[in-house]
Amino acid sequence: MSETQKTIEQLSALAQETRFSVFQALMRAGKSGLSAGSIAKALNVAPNTLSSHLAILNRAELTSVTREGRSLIYKARIAGVNHLLSSLVEDCCDGHPEVCVTMTELSEETC
């Protein structure tokens, strides 16, 4: 998959209201992440519907999932977010992307 295709897939994943809300919740949660159940409850989304949205965000490399006991814990995948942001600004300002502040300039420790 080309870098352009990857960026388009990521934008497509976020271009839906429920997925965007899930992504925002995971970004707010930071390193601790959220269980699928808590996301479903907070956003008032049926678990089976949420599952398909989470799968799309995972395929787009915007989230990751780990098992903790019986729970699936979802987290924002900062490397994927950095890719998306970087790809959006890399050609900024006649080849001077440093004009745009991106998450790549922030420490991953802050998330």
Protein backbone atom coordinates (compact mmCIF):
# COMPACT_ATOMS: atom_id res chain seq x y z
CA MET A 1 0.00 0.00 0.00
CA SER A 2 1.41 3.39 -0.95
CA GLU A 3 1.75 6.22 1.55
CA THR A 4 -1.01 8.10 -0.28
CA GLN A 5 -3.34 5.09 -0.08
CA LYS A 6 -2.57 4.69 3.62
CA THR A 7 -3.41 8.35 4.26
CA ILE A 8 -6.66 8.06 2.31
CA GLU A 9 -7.60 4.95 4.30
CA GLN A 10 -6.94 6.81 7.55
CA LEU A 11 -8.98 9.82 6.46
CA SER A 12 -11.80 7.53 5.36
CA ALA A 13 -11.76 5.79 8.73
CA LEU A 14 -12.19 9.12 10.50
CA ALA A 15 -14.80 10.43 8.05
CA GLN A 16 -17.68 8.81 9.92
CA GLU A 17 -19.25 10.28 13.05
CA THR A 18 -19.14 7.22 15.32
CA ARG A 19 -15.57 6.31 14.35
CA PHE A 20 -14.45 9.88 14.83
CA SER A 21 -16.07 9.92 18.30
CA VAL A 22 -14.35 6.62 19.17
CA PHE A 23 -11.02 8.01 17.98
CA GLN A 24 -11.49 11.19 20.04
CA ALA A 25 -12.34 9.15 23.15
CA LEU A 26 -9.22 7.02 22.68
CA MET A 27 -7.03 10.08 22.19
CA ARG A 28 -8.42 11.54 25.43
CA ALA A 29 -7.85 8.25 27.26
CA GLY A 30 -4.15 8.26 26.42
CA LYS A 31 -1.91 5.33 27.35
CA SER A 32 -4.50 3.66 29.56
CA GLY A 33 -6.91 3.18 26.66
CA LEU A 34 -10.52 2.09 27.02
CA SER A 35 -12.31 -1.24 27.01
CA ALA A 36 -14.70 -1.92 24.18
CA GLY A 37 -17.53 -2.07 26.70
CA SER A 38 -16.76 1.33 28.17
CA ILE A 39 -16.54 2.87 24.69
CA ALA A 40 -19.90 1.35 23.73
CA LYS A 41 -21.51 2.61 26.92
CA ALA A 42 -20.00 6.11 26.74
CA LEU A 43 -21.02 6.60 23.10
CA ASN A 44 -24.31 4.69 23.35
CA VAL A 45 -23.32 2.36 20.50
CA ALA A 46 -24.37 -1.27 20.19
CA PRO A 47 -21.39 -3.58 20.82
CA ASN A 48 -21.65 -5.30 17.41
CA THR A 49 -21.78 -1.94 15.64
CA LEU A 50 -18.84 -0.69 17.68
CA SER A 51 -16.86 -3.80 16.81
CA SER A 52 -17.03 -3.04 13.08
CA HIS A 53 -16.02 0.59 13.67
CA LEU A 54 -13.06 -0.47 15.81
CA ALA A 55 -11.97 -2.93 13.11
CA ILE A 56 -11.92 -0.12 10.54
CA LEU A 57 -9.86 2.11 12.84
CA ASN A 58 -7.46 -0.79 13.49
CA ARG A 59 -7.02 -1.52 9.77
CA ALA A 60 -6.24 2.16 9.24
CA GLU A 61 -3.54 1.85 11.96
CA LEU A 62 -5.14 4.58 14.05
CA THR A 63 -5.85 2.29 17.01
CA SER A 64 -4.38 -0.79 18.60
CA VAL A 65 -5.95 -3.46 20.76
CA THR A 66 -4.63 -5.68 23.52
CA ARG A 67 -6.32 -8.27 25.68
CA GLU A 68 -6.34 -7.71 29.44
CA GLY A 69 -8.05 -10.66 31.04
CA ARG A 70 -11.48 -10.89 29.47
CA SER A 71 -11.43 -7.31 28.16
CA LEU A 72 -10.17 -5.89 24.89
CA ILE A 73 -8.42 -2.57 25.55
CA TYR A 74 -8.23 -0.13 22.67
CA LYS A 75 -5.72 2.71 22.46
CA ALA A 76 -4.96 5.41 19.96
CA ARG A 77 -1.95 4.33 17.91
CA ILE A 78 0.26 7.41 18.07
CA ALA A 79 2.55 6.25 15.25
CA GLY A 80 -0.48 6.02 12.95
CA VAL A 81 -1.73 9.43 14.06
CA ASN A 82 1.73 10.86 13.43
CA HIS A 83 1.73 9.36 9.93
CA LEU A 84 -1.61 10.94 9.14
CA LEU A 85 -0.67 14.36 10.47
CA SER A 86 2.74 14.31 8.80
CA SER A 87 1.28 13.30 5.45
CA LEU A 88 -1.16 16.19 5.64
CA VAL A 89 1.53 18.80 6.22
CA GLU A 90 4.66 17.44 4.54
CA ASP A 91 4.21 19.65 1.47
CA CYS A 92 3.07 22.61 3.52
CA CYS A 93 4.21 26.13 2.76
CA ASP A 94 6.29 25.49 -0.36
CA GLY A 95 8.29 22.67 1.15
CA HIS A 96 8.60 24.06 4.68
CA PRO A 97 6.56 21.67 6.84
CA GLU A 98 8.28 22.99 9.96
CA VAL A 99 5.84 25.89 9.76
CA CYS A 100 3.09 23.45 10.79
CA VAL A 101 3.25 22.00 14.30
CA THR A 102 2.46 18.29 14.24
CA MET A 103 2.30 15.59 16.85
CA THR A 104 5.62 14.28 15.55
CA GLU A 105 7.21 17.26 17.25
CA LEU A 106 5.63 16.27 20.56
CA SER A 107 7.02 13.54 22.73
CA GLU A 108 5.05 10.31 22.67
CA GLU A 109 5.42 10.47 26.45
CA THR A 110 2.75 13.19 26.52
CA CYS A 111 0.07 10.86 25.16
